[in-house]
Amino acid sequence: MKFNEKVWANTTAVFVGVVYLFCRFAIALFPGFSMAVTRSWFHGFDVARIWTPRAFSENFLLGFVTAVALSWLAGWLFAWLYNYFSVKK
């Protein structure tokens, strides 16, 4: 089986973009719960000092664009590596 690199990359980028937007809206709607989840994902690291419930801050667009772009690149690289290593030699 061979992956189409562009299809895999596009799928990964769209998925990460949707997750990014979901997280931003979750922070705006449920800031306390979002901070609790963040703490649990970072093994109890105290994020209260750096936490801002302003989900749509000045760097929202930069974060969204870089997350989508890097996930596209990671998706493409994953598919390319999969195809490379799955070839029987």
PDB file of N, CA and C in Angstrom:
ATOM      1  N   MET A   1       0.840  -1.173   0.000  1.00  0.00           N
ATOM      2  CA  MET A   1       0.000   0.000   0.000  1.00  0.00           C
ATOM      3  C   MET A   1       0.889   1.242   0.000  1.00  0.00           C
ATOM      4  N   LYS A   2       0.500   2.209  -0.793  1.00  0.00           N
ATOM      5  CA  LYS A   2       1.267   3.447  -0.899  1.00  0.00           C
ATOM      6  C   LYS A   2       0.362   4.623  -0.545  1.00  0.00           C
ATOM      7  N   PHE A   3       0.918   5.561   0.234  1.00  0.00           N
ATOM      8  CA  PHE A   3       0.186   6.779   0.570  1.00  0.00           C
ATOM      9  C   PHE A   3       0.455   7.849  -0.475  1.00  0.00           C
ATOM     10  N   ASN A   4      -0.585   8.610  -0.806  1.00  0.00           N
ATOM     11  CA  ASN A   4      -0.412   9.805  -1.619  1.00  0.00           C
ATOM     12  C   ASN A   4       0.040  10.917  -0.673  1.00  0.00           C
ATOM     13  N   GLU A   5       1.266  11.392  -0.864  1.00  0.00           N
ATOM     14  CA  GLU A   5       1.847  12.354   0.070  1.00  0.00           C
ATOM     15  C   GLU A   5       1.010  13.627   0.223  1.00  0.00           C
ATOM     16  N   LYS A   6       0.527  14.158  -0.885  1.00  0.00           N
ATOM     17  CA  LYS A   6      -0.242  15.410  -0.826  1.00  0.00           C
ATOM     18  C   LYS A   6      -1.583  15.214  -0.132  1.00  0.00           C
ATOM     19  N   VAL A   7      -2.237  14.110  -0.396  1.00  0.00           N
ATOM     20  CA  VAL A   7      -3.522  13.843   0.255  1.00  0.00           C
ATOM     21  C   VAL A   7      -3.320  13.685   1.757  1.00  0.00           C
ATOM     22  N   TRP A   8      -2.297  12.926   2.156  1.00  0.00           N
ATOM     23  CA  TRP A   8      -2.018  12.727   3.574  1.00  0.00           C
ATOM     24  C   TRP A   8      -1.663  14.068   4.238  1.00  0.00           C
ATOM     25  N   ALA A   9      -0.842  14.866   3.574  1.00  0.00           N
ATOM     26  CA  ALA A   9      -0.437  16.166   4.114  1.00  0.00           C
ATOM     27  C   ALA A   9      -1.642  17.102   4.247  1.00  0.00           C
ATOM     28  N   ASN A  10      -2.488  17.155   3.233  1.00  0.00           N
ATOM     29  CA  ASN A  10      -3.676  18.006   3.290  1.00  0.00           C
ATOM     30  C   ASN A  10      -4.612  17.581   4.416  1.00  0.00           C
ATOM     31  N   THR A  11      -4.800  16.280   4.565  1.00  0.00           N
ATOM     32  CA  THR A  11      -5.668  15.757   5.620  1.00  0.00           C
ATOM     33  C   THR A  11      -5.120  16.116   6.993  1.00  0.00           C
ATOM     34  N   THR A  12      -3.832  15.949   7.172  1.00  0.00           N
ATOM     35  CA  THR A  12      -3.201  16.270   8.449  1.00  0.00           C
ATOM     36  C   THR A  12      -3.333  17.761   8.757  1.00  0.00           C
ATOM     37  N   ALA A  13      -3.089  18.599   7.782  1.00  0.00           N
ATOM     38  CA  ALA A  13      -3.160  20.047   7.988  1.00  0.00           C
ATOM     39  C   ALA A  13      -4.579  20.494   8.330  1.00  0.00           C
ATOM     40  N   VAL A  14      -5.564  19.994   7.639  1.00  0.00           N
ATOM     41  CA  VAL A  14      -6.954  20.367   7.926  1.00  0.00           C
ATOM     42  C   VAL A  14      -7.349  19.877   9.313  1.00  0.00           C
ATOM     43  N   PHE A  15      -6.960  18.651   9.652  1.00  0.00           N
ATOM     44  CA  PHE A  15      -7.283  18.104  10.970  1.00  0.00           C
ATOM     45  C   PHE A  15      -6.685  18.967  12.083  1.00  0.00           C
ATOM     46  N   VAL A  16      -5.423  19.331  11.959  1.00  0.00           N
ATOM     47  CA  VAL A  16      -4.771  20.151  12.973  1.00  0.00           C
ATOM     48  C   VAL A  16      -5.408  21.538  13.027  1.00  0.00           C
ATOM     49  N   GLY A  17      -5.784  22.090  11.886  1.00  0.00           N
ATOM     50  CA  GLY A  17      -6.462  23.384  11.869  1.00  0.00           C
ATOM     51  C   GLY A  17      -7.786  23.342  12.613  1.00  0.00           C
ATOM     52  N   VAL A  18      -8.549  22.294  12.421  1.00  0.00           N
ATOM     53  CA  VAL A  18      -9.836  22.153  13.112  1.00  0.00           C
ATOM     54  C   VAL A  18      -9.608  21.996  14.615  1.00  0.00           C
ATOM     55  N   VAL A  19      -8.644  21.182  14.999  1.00  0.00           N
ATOM     56  CA  VAL A  19      -8.338  21.001  16.420  1.00  0.00           C
ATOM     57  C   VAL A  19      -7.872  22.324  17.032  1.00  0.00           C
ATOM     58  N   TYR A  20      -7.051  23.062  16.313  1.00  0.00           N
ATOM     59  CA  TYR A  20      -6.561  24.359  16.802  1.00  0.00           C
ATOM     60  C   TYR A  20      -7.724  25.315  17.048  1.00  0.00           C
ATOM     61  N   LEU A  21      -8.645  25.405  16.110  1.00  0.00           N
ATOM     62  CA  LEU A  21      -9.807  26.281  16.276  1.00  0.00           C
ATOM     63  C   LEU A  21     -10.684  25.813  17.431  1.00  0.00           C
ATOM     64  N   PHE A  22     -10.885  24.508  17.552  1.00  0.00           N
ATOM     65  CA  PHE A  22     -11.675  23.960  18.659  1.00  0.00           C
ATOM     66  C   PHE A  22     -11.063  24.360  19.997  1.00  0.00           C
ATOM     67  N   CYS A  23      -9.753  24.221  20.111  1.00  0.00           N
ATOM     68  CA  CYS A  23      -9.070  24.573  21.358  1.00  0.00           C
ATOM     69  C   CYS A  23      -9.222  26.063  21.668  1.00  0.00           C
ATOM     70  N   ARG A  24      -9.098  26.896  20.663  1.00  0.00           N
ATOM     71  CA  ARG A  24      -9.231  28.336  20.884  1.00  0.00           C
ATOM     72  C   ARG A  24     -10.640  28.688  21.372  1.00  0.00           C
ATOM     73  N   PHE A  25     -11.661  28.071  20.792  1.00  0.00           N
ATOM     74  CA  PHE A  25     -13.019  28.332  21.247  1.00  0.00           C
ATOM     75  C   PHE A  25     -13.257  27.748  22.633  1.00  0.00           C
ATOM     76  N   ALA A  26     -12.672  26.598  22.934  1.00  0.00           N
ATOM     77  CA  ALA A  26     -12.819  25.993  24.258  1.00  0.00           C
ATOM     78  C   ALA A  26     -12.223  26.896  25.325  1.00  0.00           C
ATOM     79  N   ILE A  27     -11.084  27.511  25.043  1.00  0.00           N
ATOM     80  CA  ILE A  27     -10.456  28.428  26.000  1.00  0.00           C
ATOM     81  C   ILE A  27     -11.359  29.637  26.238  1.00  0.00           C
ATOM     82  N   ALA A  28     -11.976  30.134  25.180  1.00  0.00           N
ATOM     83  CA  ALA A  28     -12.856  31.300  25.321  1.00  0.00           C
ATOM     84  C   ALA A  28     -14.128  30.956  26.092  1.00  0.00           C
ATOM     85  N   LEU A  29     -14.680  29.782  25.852  1.00  0.00           N
ATOM     86  CA  LEU A  29     -15.955  29.418  26.471  1.00  0.00           C
ATOM     87  C   LEU A  29     -15.797  28.785  27.851  1.00  0.00           C
ATOM     88  N   PHE A  30     -14.730  28.030  28.048  1.00  0.00           N
ATOM     89  CA  PHE A  30     -14.518  27.291  29.302  1.00  0.00           C
ATOM     90  C   PHE A  30     -13.083  27.478  29.794  1.00  0.00           C
ATOM     91  N   PRO A  31     -12.711  28.680  30.213  1.00  0.00           N
ATOM     92  CA  PRO A  31     -11.317  28.933  30.570  1.00  0.00           C
ATOM     93  C   PRO A  31     -10.820  28.089  31.747  1.00  0.00           C
ATOM     94  N   GLY A  32     -11.637  27.903  32.769  1.00  0.00           N
ATOM     95  CA  GLY A  32     -11.210  27.115  33.924  1.00  0.00           C
ATOM     96  C   GLY A  32     -10.973  25.659  33.571  1.00  0.00           C
ATOM     97  N   PHE A  33     -11.909  25.073  32.843  1.00  0.00           N
ATOM     98  CA  PHE A  33     -11.767  23.685  32.419  1.00  0.00           C
ATOM     99  C   PHE A  33     -10.576  23.526  31.476  1.00  0.00           C
ATOM    100  N   SER A  34     -10.396  24.490  30.580  1.00  0.00           N
ATOM    101  CA  SER A  34      -9.276  24.431  29.641  1.00  0.00           C
ATOM    102  C   SER A  34      -7.941  24.479  30.374  1.00  0.00           C
ATOM    103  N   MET A  35      -7.851  25.294  31.420  1.00  0.00           N
ATOM    104  CA  MET A  35      -6.611  25.359  32.189  1.00  0.00           C
ATOM    105  C   MET A  35      -6.388  24.045  32.930  1.00  0.00           C
ATOM    106  N   ALA A  36      -7.435  23.429  33.444  1.00  0.00           N
ATOM    107  CA  ALA A  36      -7.302  22.143  34.137  1.00  0.00           C
ATOM    108  C   ALA A  36      -6.813  21.062  33.175  1.00  0.00           C
ATOM    109  N   VAL A  37      -7.353  21.048  31.971  1.00  0.00           N
ATOM    110  CA  VAL A  37      -6.908  20.064  30.970  1.00  0.00           C
ATOM    111  C   VAL A  37      -5.448  20.309  30.605  1.00  0.00           C
ATOM    112  N   THR A  38      -5.087  21.563  30.426  1.00  0.00           N
ATOM    113  CA  THR A  38      -3.705  21.898  30.089  1.00  0.00           C
ATOM    114  C   THR A  38      -2.756  21.447  31.190  1.00  0.00           C
ATOM    115  N   ARG A  39      -3.121  21.691  32.428  1.00  0.00           N
ATOM    116  CA  ARG A  39      -2.294  21.225  33.550  1.00  0.00           C
ATOM    117  C   ARG A  39      -2.133  19.714  33.524  1.00  0.00           C
ATOM    118  N   SER A  40      -3.219  19.001  33.246  1.00  0.00           N
ATOM    119  CA  SER A  40      -3.131  17.533  33.238  1.00  0.00           C
ATOM    120  C   SER A  40      -2.246  17.029  32.098  1.00  0.00           C
ATOM    121  N   TRP A  41      -2.279  17.703  30.958  1.00  0.00           N
ATOM    122  CA  TRP A  41      -1.443  17.285  29.832  1.00  0.00           C
ATOM    123  C   TRP A  41       0.031  17.588  30.078  1.00  0.00           C
ATOM    124  N   PHE A  42       0.314  18.610  30.884  1.00  0.00           N
ATOM    125  CA  PHE A  42       1.697  18.970  31.187  1.00  0.00           C
ATOM    126  C   PHE A  42       2.108  18.487  32.572  1.00  0.00           C
ATOM    127  N   HIS A  43       1.485  17.405  33.035  1.00  0.00           N
ATOM    128  CA  HIS A  43       1.857  16.704  34.262  1.00  0.00           C
ATOM    129  C   HIS A  43       1.859  17.623  35.474  1.00  0.00           C
ATOM    130  N   GLY A  44       0.862  18.478  35.564  1.00  0.00           N
ATOM    131  CA  GLY A  44       0.711  19.341  36.719  1.00  0.00           C
ATOM    132  C   GLY A  44       1.497  20.635  36.681  1.00  0.00           C
ATOM    133  N   PHE A  45       2.191  20.901  35.601  1.00  0.00           N
ATOM    134  CA  PHE A  45       2.940  22.151  35.472  1.00  0.00           C
ATOM    135  C   PHE A  45       1.985  23.322  35.679  1.00  0.00           C
ATOM    136  N   ASP A  46       2.358  24.262  36.517  1.00  0.00           N
ATOM    137  CA  ASP A  46       1.478  25.380  36.839  1.00  0.00           C
ATOM    138  C   ASP A  46       1.494  26.413  35.716  1.00  0.00           C
ATOM    139  N   VAL A  47       0.438  26.404  34.944  1.00  0.00           N
ATOM    140  CA  VAL A  47       0.336  27.324  33.810  1.00  0.00           C
ATOM    141  C   VAL A  47      -0.391  28.613  34.180  1.00  0.00           C
ATOM    142  N   ALA A  48      -0.775  28.749  35.439  1.00  0.00           N
ATOM    143  CA  ALA A  48      -1.566  29.910  35.858  1.00  0.00           C
ATOM    144  C   ALA A  48      -0.815  31.221  35.646  1.00  0.00           C
ATOM    145  N   ARG A  49       0.488  31.207  35.786  1.00  0.00           N
ATOM    146  CA  ARG A  49       1.261  32.446  35.635  1.00  0.00           C
ATOM    147  C   ARG A  49       1.334  32.911  34.188  1.00  0.00           C
ATOM    148  N   ILE A  50       1.194  31.999  33.257  1.00  0.00           N
ATOM    149  CA  ILE A  50       1.279  32.370  31.839  1.00  0.00           C
ATOM    150  C   ILE A  50      -0.065  32.256  31.127  1.00  0.00           C
ATOM    151  N   TRP A  51      -1.087  31.833  31.853  1.00  0.00           N
ATOM    152  CA  TRP A  51      -2.396  31.584  31.254  1.00  0.00           C
ATOM    153  C   TRP A  51      -3.112  32.883  30.940  1.00  0.00           C
ATOM    154  N   THR A  52      -3.713  32.928  29.772  1.00  0.00           N
ATOM    155  CA  THR A  52      -4.581  34.042  29.423  1.00  0.00           C
ATOM    156  C   THR A  52      -5.846  33.471  28.794  1.00  0.00           C
ATOM    157  N   PRO A  53      -7.003  33.808  29.330  1.00  0.00           N
ATOM    158  CA  PRO A  53      -8.241  33.277  28.759  1.00  0.00           C
ATOM    159  C   PRO A  53      -8.650  33.982  27.464  1.00  0.00           C
ATOM    160  N   ARG A  54      -7.851  34.933  27.029  1.00  0.00           N
ATOM    161  CA  ARG A  54      -8.147  35.617  25.768  1.00  0.00           C
ATOM    162  C   ARG A  54      -7.766  34.686  24.622  1.00  0.00           C
ATOM    163  N   ALA A  55      -8.711  33.954  24.145  1.00  0.00           N
ATOM    164  CA  ALA A  55      -8.434  32.948  23.122  1.00  0.00           C
ATOM    165  C   ALA A  55      -8.003  33.563  21.797  1.00  0.00           C
ATOM    166  N   PHE A  56      -8.477  34.746  21.502  1.00  0.00           N
ATOM    167  CA  PHE A  56      -8.163  35.356  20.222  1.00  0.00           C
ATOM    168  C   PHE A  56      -7.225  36.532  20.433  1.00  0.00           C
ATOM    169  N   SER A  57      -6.039  36.230  20.926  1.00  0.00           N
ATOM    170  CA  SER A  57      -5.037  37.251  21.172  1.00  0.00           C
ATOM    171  C   SER A  57      -4.357  37.637  19.864  1.00  0.00           C
ATOM    172  N   GLU A  58      -3.402  38.533  19.996  1.00  0.00           N
ATOM    173  CA  GLU A  58      -2.715  39.055  18.812  1.00  0.00           C
ATOM    174  C   GLU A  58      -1.925  37.998  18.048  1.00  0.00           C
ATOM    175  N   ASN A  59      -1.554  36.909  18.697  1.00  0.00           N
ATOM    176  CA  ASN A  59      -0.773  35.898  17.991  1.00  0.00           C
ATOM    177  C   ASN A  59      -1.611  34.700  17.550  1.00  0.00           C
ATOM    178  N   PHE A  60      -2.928  34.831  17.570  1.00  0.00           N
ATOM    179  CA  PHE A  60      -3.799  33.736  17.124  1.00  0.00           C
ATOM    180  C   PHE A  60      -3.503  33.335  15.685  1.00  0.00           C
ATOM    181  N   LEU A  61      -3.440  34.313  14.798  1.00  0.00           N
ATOM    182  CA  LEU A  61      -3.232  34.016  13.381  1.00  0.00           C
ATOM    183  C   LEU A  61      -1.868  33.370  13.149  1.00  0.00           C
ATOM    184  N   LEU A  62      -0.843  33.873  13.813  1.00  0.00           N
ATOM    185  CA  LEU A  62       0.488  33.285  13.672  1.00  0.00           C
ATOM    186  C   LEU A  62       0.486  31.832  14.139  1.00  0.00           C
ATOM    187  N   GLY A  63      -0.131  31.569  15.270  1.00  0.00           N
ATOM    188  CA  GLY A  63      -0.207  30.200  15.777  1.00  0.00           C
ATOM    189  C   GLY A  63      -0.970  29.278  14.846  1.00  0.00           C
ATOM    190  N   PHE A  64      -2.084  29.763  14.317  1.00  0.00           N
ATOM    191  CA  PHE A  64      -2.898  28.948  13.406  1.00  0.00           C
ATOM    192  C   PHE A  64      -2.130  28.620  12.133  1.00  0.00           C
ATOM    193  N   VAL A  65      -1.540  29.641  11.526  1.00  0.00           N
ATOM    194  CA  VAL A  65      -0.821  29.441  10.257  1.00  0.00           C
ATOM    195  C   VAL A  65       0.376  28.507  10.444  1.00  0.00           C
ATOM    196  N   THR A  66       1.149  28.715  11.501  1.00  0.00           N
ATOM    197  CA  THR A  66       2.322  27.863  11.701  1.00  0.00           C
ATOM    198  C   THR A  66       1.932  26.442  12.070  1.00  0.00           C
ATOM    199  N   ALA A  67       0.871  26.261  12.856  1.00  0.00           N
ATOM    200  CA  ALA A  67       0.422  24.912  13.202  1.00  0.00           C
ATOM    201  C   ALA A  67      -0.034  24.157  11.955  1.00  0.00           C
ATOM    202  N   VAL A  68      -0.794  24.814  11.099  1.00  0.00           N
ATOM    203  CA  VAL A  68      -1.284  24.171   9.880  1.00  0.00           C
ATOM    204  C   VAL A  68      -0.130  23.888   8.915  1.00  0.00           C
ATOM    205  N   ALA A  69       0.762  24.857   8.747  1.00  0.00           N
ATOM    206  CA  ALA A  69       1.886  24.671   7.821  1.00  0.00           C
ATOM    207  C   ALA A  69       2.823  23.555   8.281  1.00  0.00           C
ATOM    208  N   LEU A  70       3.160  23.556   9.551  1.00  0.00           N
ATOM    209  CA  LEU A  70       4.065  22.514  10.047  1.00  0.00           C
ATOM    210  C   LEU A  70       3.407  21.145  10.057  1.00  0.00           C
ATOM    211  N   SER A  71       2.110  21.086  10.304  1.00  0.00           N
ATOM    212  CA  SER A  71       1.436  19.789  10.253  1.00  0.00           C
ATOM    213  C   SER A  71       1.339  19.285   8.814  1.00  0.00           C
ATOM    214  N   TRP A  72       1.193  20.197   7.860  1.00  0.00           N
ATOM    215  CA  TRP A  72       1.197  19.774   6.455  1.00  0.00           C
ATOM    216  C   TRP A  72       2.559  19.152   6.117  1.00  0.00           C
ATOM    217  N   LEU A  73       3.613  19.827   6.533  1.00  0.00           N
ATOM    218  CA  LEU A  73       4.960  19.319   6.278  1.00  0.00           C
ATOM    219  C   LEU A  73       5.182  17.977   6.978  1.00  0.00           C
ATOM    220  N   ALA A  74       4.750  17.860   8.214  1.00  0.00           N
ATOM    221  CA  ALA A  74       4.899  16.604   8.947  1.00  0.00           C
ATOM    222  C   ALA A  74       4.089  15.487   8.293  1.00  0.00           C
ATOM    223  N   GLY A  75       2.889  15.799   7.832  1.00  0.00           N
ATOM    224  CA  GLY A  75       2.067  14.804   7.148  1.00  0.00           C
ATOM    225  C   GLY A  75       2.697  14.337   5.857  1.00  0.00           C
ATOM    226  N   TRP A  76       3.220  15.280   5.093  1.00  0.00           N
ATOM    227  CA  TRP A  76       3.892  14.912   3.841  1.00  0.00           C
ATOM    228  C   TRP A  76       5.114  14.051   4.120  1.00  0.00           C
ATOM    229  N   LEU A  77       5.911  14.441   5.107  1.00  0.00           N
ATOM    230  CA  LEU A  77       7.121  13.696   5.448  1.00  0.00           C
ATOM    231  C   LEU A  77       6.777  12.301   5.953  1.00  0.00           C
ATOM    232  N   PHE A  78       5.740  12.192   6.770  1.00  0.00           N
ATOM    233  CA  PHE A  78       5.316  10.881   7.251  1.00  0.00           C
ATOM    234  C   PHE A  78       4.952   9.970   6.082  1.00  0.00           C
ATOM    235  N   ALA A  79       4.134  10.464   5.154  1.00  0.00           N
ATOM    236  CA  ALA A  79       3.711   9.644   4.013  1.00  0.00           C
ATOM    237  C   ALA A  79       4.891   9.272   3.139  1.00  0.00           C
ATOM    238  N   TRP A  80       5.804  10.212   2.921  1.00  0.00           N
ATOM    239  CA  TRP A  80       6.986   9.932   2.103  1.00  0.00           C
ATOM    240  C   TRP A  80       7.845   8.857   2.766  1.00  0.00           C
ATOM    241  N   LEU A  81       8.080   9.002   4.073  1.00  0.00           N
ATOM    242  CA  LEU A  81       8.879   8.003   4.785  1.00  0.00           C
ATOM    243  C   LEU A  81       8.193   6.644   4.801  1.00  0.00           C
ATOM    244  N   TYR A  82       6.890   6.634   4.982  1.00  0.00           N
ATOM    245  CA  TYR A  82       6.147   5.379   4.946  1.00  0.00           C
ATOM    246  C   TYR A  82       6.332   4.693   3.596  1.00  0.00           C
ATOM    247  N   ASN A  83       6.158   5.449   2.524  1.00  0.00           N
ATOM    248  CA  ASN A  83       6.338   4.885   1.185  1.00  0.00           C
ATOM    249  C   ASN A  83       7.757   4.392   0.971  1.00  0.00           C
ATOM    250  N   TYR A  84       8.733   5.139   1.476  1.00  0.00           N
ATOM    251  CA  TYR A  84      10.121   4.769   1.315  1.00  0.00           C
ATOM    252  C   TYR A  84      10.433   3.448   2.027  1.00  0.00           C
ATOM    253  N   PHE A  85       9.989   3.331   3.276  1.00  0.00           N
ATOM    254  CA  PHE A  85      10.308   2.141   4.062  1.00  0.00           C
ATOM    255  C   PHE A  85       9.418   0.949   3.740  1.00  0.00           C
ATOM    256  N   SER A  86       8.289   1.165   3.096  1.00  0.00           N
ATOM    257  CA  SER A  86       7.417   0.048   2.791  1.00  0.00           C
ATOM    258  C   SER A  86       7.769  -0.661   1.490  1.00  0.00           C
ATOM    259  N   VAL A  87       8.705  -0.099   0.744  1.00  0.00           N
ATOM    260  CA  VAL A  87       9.130  -0.728  -0.509  1.00  0.00           C
ATOM    261  C   VAL A  87       9.925  -1.973  -0.181  1.00  0.00           C
ATOM    262  N   LYS A  88       9.543  -3.073  -0.801  1.00  0.00           N
ATOM    263  CA  LYS A  88      10.286  -4.331  -0.581  1.00  0.00           C
ATOM    264  C   LYS A  88      11.505  -4.333  -1.478  1.00  0.00           C
ATOM    265  N   LYS A  89      12.643  -4.562  -0.834  1.00  0.00           N
ATOM    266  CA  LYS A  89      13.906  -4.556  -1.602  1.00  0.00           C
ATOM    267  C   LYS A  89      14.475  -5.922  -1.695  1.00  0.00           C
TER     268      LYS A  89
END
